[in-house]
Amino acid sequence: MQAKVDKVKRLILASGVHDWVDIVVPTLEACHALGGVEERAALPLALEAVKQLLREGLIEVGEVGVDGLSPWAVSLKTIEERIDLEARNVEFPLRSSYMFWIANTTRGDLVGRSILEKYPEILDVE
């Protein structure tokens, strides 16, 4: 299962080099990684990828407002609890404004760029 999580993590970081990422992006990748399951079944995999990246310090999550991305400025434990709460209350199909937005940290951008060099096709839409 970790290989599937890692695949989603790579897509998040590669996508995050260019812009903020919404939860739809990793969830659709998780759908694909799990053999075409529906969003509801794939969301836990996508959220695990997000949580691992948060723990690794490669991303931050928050809300987009007038001044750009406002990261959730609370403890990692509280962020993970909030993600779980948001997941319990989310509606399907997912939309980009649901749950939270993801932004690479400076280190996340470095990793994301190396992913883009190694997997230049990663952002190609099938």
C-alpha atoms as a PDB file:
ATOM      1  CA  MET A   1       0.000   0.000   0.000  1.00  0.00           C
ATOM      2  CA  GLN A   2       2.892   2.379   0.700  1.00  0.00           C
ATOM      3  CA  ALA A   3       3.859   2.284  -2.991  1.00  0.00           C
ATOM      4  CA  LYS A   4       0.406   3.659  -3.856  1.00  0.00           C
ATOM      5  CA  VAL A   5       0.702   6.347  -1.179  1.00  0.00           C
ATOM      6  CA  ASP A   6       4.137   7.280  -2.554  1.00  0.00           C
ATOM      7  CA  LYS A   7       2.690   7.629  -6.058  1.00  0.00           C
ATOM      8  CA  VAL A   8       0.074  10.072  -4.767  1.00  0.00           C
ATOM      9  CA  LYS A   9       2.725  11.959  -2.776  1.00  0.00           C
ATOM     10  CA  ARG A  10       4.844  12.392  -5.927  1.00  0.00           C
ATOM     11  CA  LEU A  11       1.885  13.846  -7.817  1.00  0.00           C
ATOM     12  CA  ILE A  12       1.059  16.266  -4.998  1.00  0.00           C
ATOM     13  CA  LEU A  13       4.633  17.564  -4.838  1.00  0.00           C
ATOM     14  CA  ALA A  14       5.045  17.774  -8.624  1.00  0.00           C
ATOM     15  CA  SER A  15       1.725  19.610  -8.968  1.00  0.00           C
ATOM     16  CA  GLY A  16       2.604  21.888  -6.072  1.00  0.00           C
ATOM     17  CA  VAL A  17       5.653  23.254  -7.862  1.00  0.00           C
ATOM     18  CA  HIS A  18       3.333  25.229 -10.149  1.00  0.00           C
ATOM     19  CA  ASP A  19       0.338  26.090  -7.974  1.00  0.00           C
ATOM     20  CA  TRP A  20      -1.662  25.216  -4.886  1.00  0.00           C
ATOM     21  CA  VAL A  21      -3.205  21.766  -5.020  1.00  0.00           C
ATOM     22  CA  ASP A  22      -6.756  20.964  -4.018  1.00  0.00           C
ATOM     23  CA  ILE A  23      -7.894  17.624  -2.601  1.00  0.00           C
ATOM     24  CA  VAL A  24      -9.352  16.566  -5.960  1.00  0.00           C
ATOM     25  CA  VAL A  25      -5.869  16.073  -7.474  1.00  0.00           C
ATOM     26  CA  PRO A  26      -4.554  13.481  -4.984  1.00  0.00           C
ATOM     27  CA  THR A  27      -7.951  11.812  -4.756  1.00  0.00           C
ATOM     28  CA  LEU A  28      -8.148  11.258  -8.514  1.00  0.00           C
ATOM     29  CA  GLU A  29      -4.607   9.868  -8.468  1.00  0.00           C
ATOM     30  CA  ALA A  30      -5.634   7.562  -5.621  1.00  0.00           C
ATOM     31  CA  CYS A  31      -8.662   6.428  -7.681  1.00  0.00           C
ATOM     32  CA  HIS A  32      -6.274   5.493 -10.475  1.00  0.00           C
ATOM     33  CA  ALA A  33      -3.738   3.836  -8.137  1.00  0.00           C
ATOM     34  CA  LEU A  34      -6.495   1.704  -6.623  1.00  0.00           C
ATOM     35  CA  GLY A  35      -7.707   0.436  -9.973  1.00  0.00           C
ATOM     36  CA  GLY A  36     -10.450   2.900 -10.763  1.00  0.00           C
ATOM     37  CA  VAL A  37     -12.411   2.974  -7.519  1.00  0.00           C
ATOM     38  CA  GLU A  38     -14.796   5.835  -6.754  1.00  0.00           C
ATOM     39  CA  GLU A  39     -13.660   9.000  -4.962  1.00  0.00           C
ATOM     40  CA  ARG A  40     -15.220   7.928  -1.665  1.00  0.00           C
ATOM     41  CA  ALA A  41     -13.084   4.752  -1.596  1.00  0.00           C
ATOM     42  CA  ALA A  42      -9.939   6.579  -2.737  1.00  0.00           C
ATOM     43  CA  LEU A  43     -10.089   9.553  -0.357  1.00  0.00           C
ATOM     44  CA  PRO A  44      -8.431   7.707   2.589  1.00  0.00           C
ATOM     45  CA  LEU A  45      -5.379   6.933   0.427  1.00  0.00           C
ATOM     46  CA  ALA A  46      -5.164  10.558  -0.720  1.00  0.00           C
ATOM     47  CA  LEU A  47      -5.434  11.798   2.855  1.00  0.00           C
ATOM     48  CA  GLU A  48      -2.734   9.398   4.031  1.00  0.00           C
ATOM     49  CA  ALA A  49      -0.418  10.844   1.381  1.00  0.00           C
ATOM     50  CA  VAL A  50      -1.227  14.382   2.549  1.00  0.00           C
ATOM     51  CA  LYS A  51      -0.605  13.477   6.195  1.00  0.00           C
ATOM     52  CA  GLN A  52       2.738  11.839   5.409  1.00  0.00           C
ATOM     53  CA  LEU A  53       3.858  14.905   3.450  1.00  0.00           C
ATOM     54  CA  LEU A  54       2.809  17.134   6.347  1.00  0.00           C
ATOM     55  CA  ARG A  55       4.825  15.003   8.790  1.00  0.00           C
ATOM     56  CA  GLU A  56       7.817  15.199   6.447  1.00  0.00           C
ATOM     57  CA  GLY A  57       7.565  19.006   6.329  1.00  0.00           C
ATOM     58  CA  LEU A  58       7.123  19.043   2.553  1.00  0.00           C
ATOM     59  CA  ILE A  59       3.677  20.657   2.425  1.00  0.00           C
ATOM     60  CA  GLU A  60       1.337  22.827   4.426  1.00  0.00           C
ATOM     61  CA  VAL A  61      -2.436  22.910   4.233  1.00  0.00           C
ATOM     62  CA  GLY A  62      -4.877  25.735   4.681  1.00  0.00           C
ATOM     63  CA  GLU A  63      -7.494  27.879   3.076  1.00  0.00           C
ATOM     64  CA  VAL A  64      -7.246  30.281   0.181  1.00  0.00           C
ATOM     65  CA  GLY A  65      -8.343  33.808   0.949  1.00  0.00           C
ATOM     66  CA  VAL A  66      -7.850  37.309  -0.356  1.00  0.00           C
ATOM     67  CA  ASP A  67      -4.167  37.276   0.596  1.00  0.00           C
ATOM     68  CA  GLY A  68      -3.432  33.816  -0.826  1.00  0.00           C
ATOM     69  CA  LEU A  69      -3.018  30.585   1.066  1.00  0.00           C
ATOM     70  CA  SER A  70      -3.500  30.884   4.819  1.00  0.00           C
ATOM     71  CA  PRO A  71      -1.931  27.796   6.376  1.00  0.00           C
ATOM     72  CA  TRP A  72      -3.639  26.235   9.343  1.00  0.00           C
ATOM     73  CA  ALA A  73      -1.374  27.564  12.074  1.00  0.00           C
ATOM     74  CA  VAL A  74      -1.950  24.853  14.666  1.00  0.00           C
ATOM     75  CA  SER A  75      -0.111  21.724  15.758  1.00  0.00           C
ATOM     76  CA  LEU A  76       0.370  18.815  13.371  1.00  0.00           C
ATOM     77  CA  LYS A  77      -1.902  16.682  15.540  1.00  0.00           C
ATOM     78  CA  THR A  78      -4.654  19.303  15.330  1.00  0.00           C
ATOM     79  CA  ILE A  79      -4.219  19.588  11.562  1.00  0.00           C
ATOM     80  CA  GLU A  80      -4.568  15.828  11.174  1.00  0.00           C
ATOM     81  CA  GLU A  81      -7.668  15.843  13.382  1.00  0.00           C
ATOM     82  CA  ARG A  82      -9.150  18.643  11.287  1.00  0.00           C
ATOM     83  CA  ILE A  83      -8.404  16.732   8.076  1.00  0.00           C
ATOM     84  CA  ASP A  84     -10.206  13.702   9.523  1.00  0.00           C
ATOM     85  CA  LEU A  85     -13.173  15.852  10.522  1.00  0.00           C
ATOM     86  CA  GLU A  86     -13.330  17.452   7.076  1.00  0.00           C
ATOM     87  CA  ALA A  87     -13.203  13.982   5.486  1.00  0.00           C
ATOM     88  CA  ARG A  88     -16.136  12.768   7.567  1.00  0.00           C
ATOM     89  CA  ASN A  89     -18.237  15.729   6.440  1.00  0.00           C
ATOM     90  CA  VAL A  90     -17.200  16.031   2.791  1.00  0.00           C
ATOM     91  CA  GLU A  91     -19.711  15.711  -0.024  1.00  0.00           C
ATOM     92  CA  PHE A  92     -19.128  13.799  -3.227  1.00  0.00           C
ATOM     93  CA  PRO A  93     -18.270  14.427  -5.960  1.00  0.00           C
ATOM     94  CA  LEU A  94     -15.353  16.387  -4.577  1.00  0.00           C
ATOM     95  CA  ARG A  95     -14.845  19.978  -5.662  1.00  0.00           C
ATOM     96  CA  SER A  96     -11.724  22.065  -5.451  1.00  0.00           C
ATOM     97  CA  SER A  97     -13.176  24.340  -2.771  1.00  0.00           C
ATOM     98  CA  TYR A  98     -13.873  21.430  -0.386  1.00  0.00           C
ATOM     99  CA  MET A  99     -11.746  20.555   2.624  1.00  0.00           C
ATOM    100  CA  PHE A 100      -8.420  22.404   2.201  1.00  0.00           C
ATOM    101  CA  TRP A 101      -5.687  23.495  -0.189  1.00  0.00           C
ATOM    102  CA  ILE A 102      -2.127  22.171  -0.265  1.00  0.00           C
ATOM    103  CA  ALA A 103       1.045  24.218  -0.820  1.00  0.00           C
ATOM    104  CA  ASN A 104       4.596  22.950  -1.068  1.00  0.00           C
ATOM    105  CA  THR A 105       7.095  24.214   1.460  1.00  0.00           C
ATOM    106  CA  THR A 106      10.489  25.339   0.152  1.00  0.00           C
ATOM    107  CA  ARG A 107      11.786  21.803   0.698  1.00  0.00           C
ATOM    108  CA  GLY A 108       8.653  20.418  -0.952  1.00  0.00           C
ATOM    109  CA  ASP A 109       9.355  22.515  -4.046  1.00  0.00           C
ATOM    110  CA  LEU A 110      12.890  21.118  -4.231  1.00  0.00           C
ATOM    111  CA  VAL A 111      11.574  17.560  -4.012  1.00  0.00           C
ATOM    112  CA  GLY A 112       8.780  18.391  -6.467  1.00  0.00           C
ATOM    113  CA  ARG A 113      11.266  19.715  -9.024  1.00  0.00           C
ATOM    114  CA  SER A 114      13.378  16.574  -8.743  1.00  0.00           C
ATOM    115  CA  ILE A 115      10.224  14.487  -9.268  1.00  0.00           C
ATOM    116  CA  LEU A 116       9.406  16.495 -12.398  1.00  0.00           C
ATOM    117  CA  GLU A 117      12.928  15.873 -13.709  1.00  0.00           C
ATOM    118  CA  LYS A 118      12.709  12.144 -13.024  1.00  0.00           C
ATOM    119  CA  TYR A 119       9.079  11.730 -14.159  1.00  0.00           C
ATOM    120  CA  PRO A 120       8.449  14.493 -16.753  1.00  0.00           C
ATOM    121  CA  GLU A 121       5.145  12.892 -17.746  1.00  0.00           C
ATOM    122  CA  ILE A 122       3.732  12.894 -14.203  1.00  0.00           C
ATOM    123  CA  LEU A 123       1.455  15.860 -14.814  1.00  0.00           C
ATOM    124  CA  ASP A 124       0.153  14.582 -18.153  1.00  0.00           C
ATOM    125  CA  VAL A 125      -3.580  14.063 -18.081  1.00  0.00           C
ATOM    126  CA  GLU A 126      -4.698  10.701 -19.461  1.00  0.00           C
END
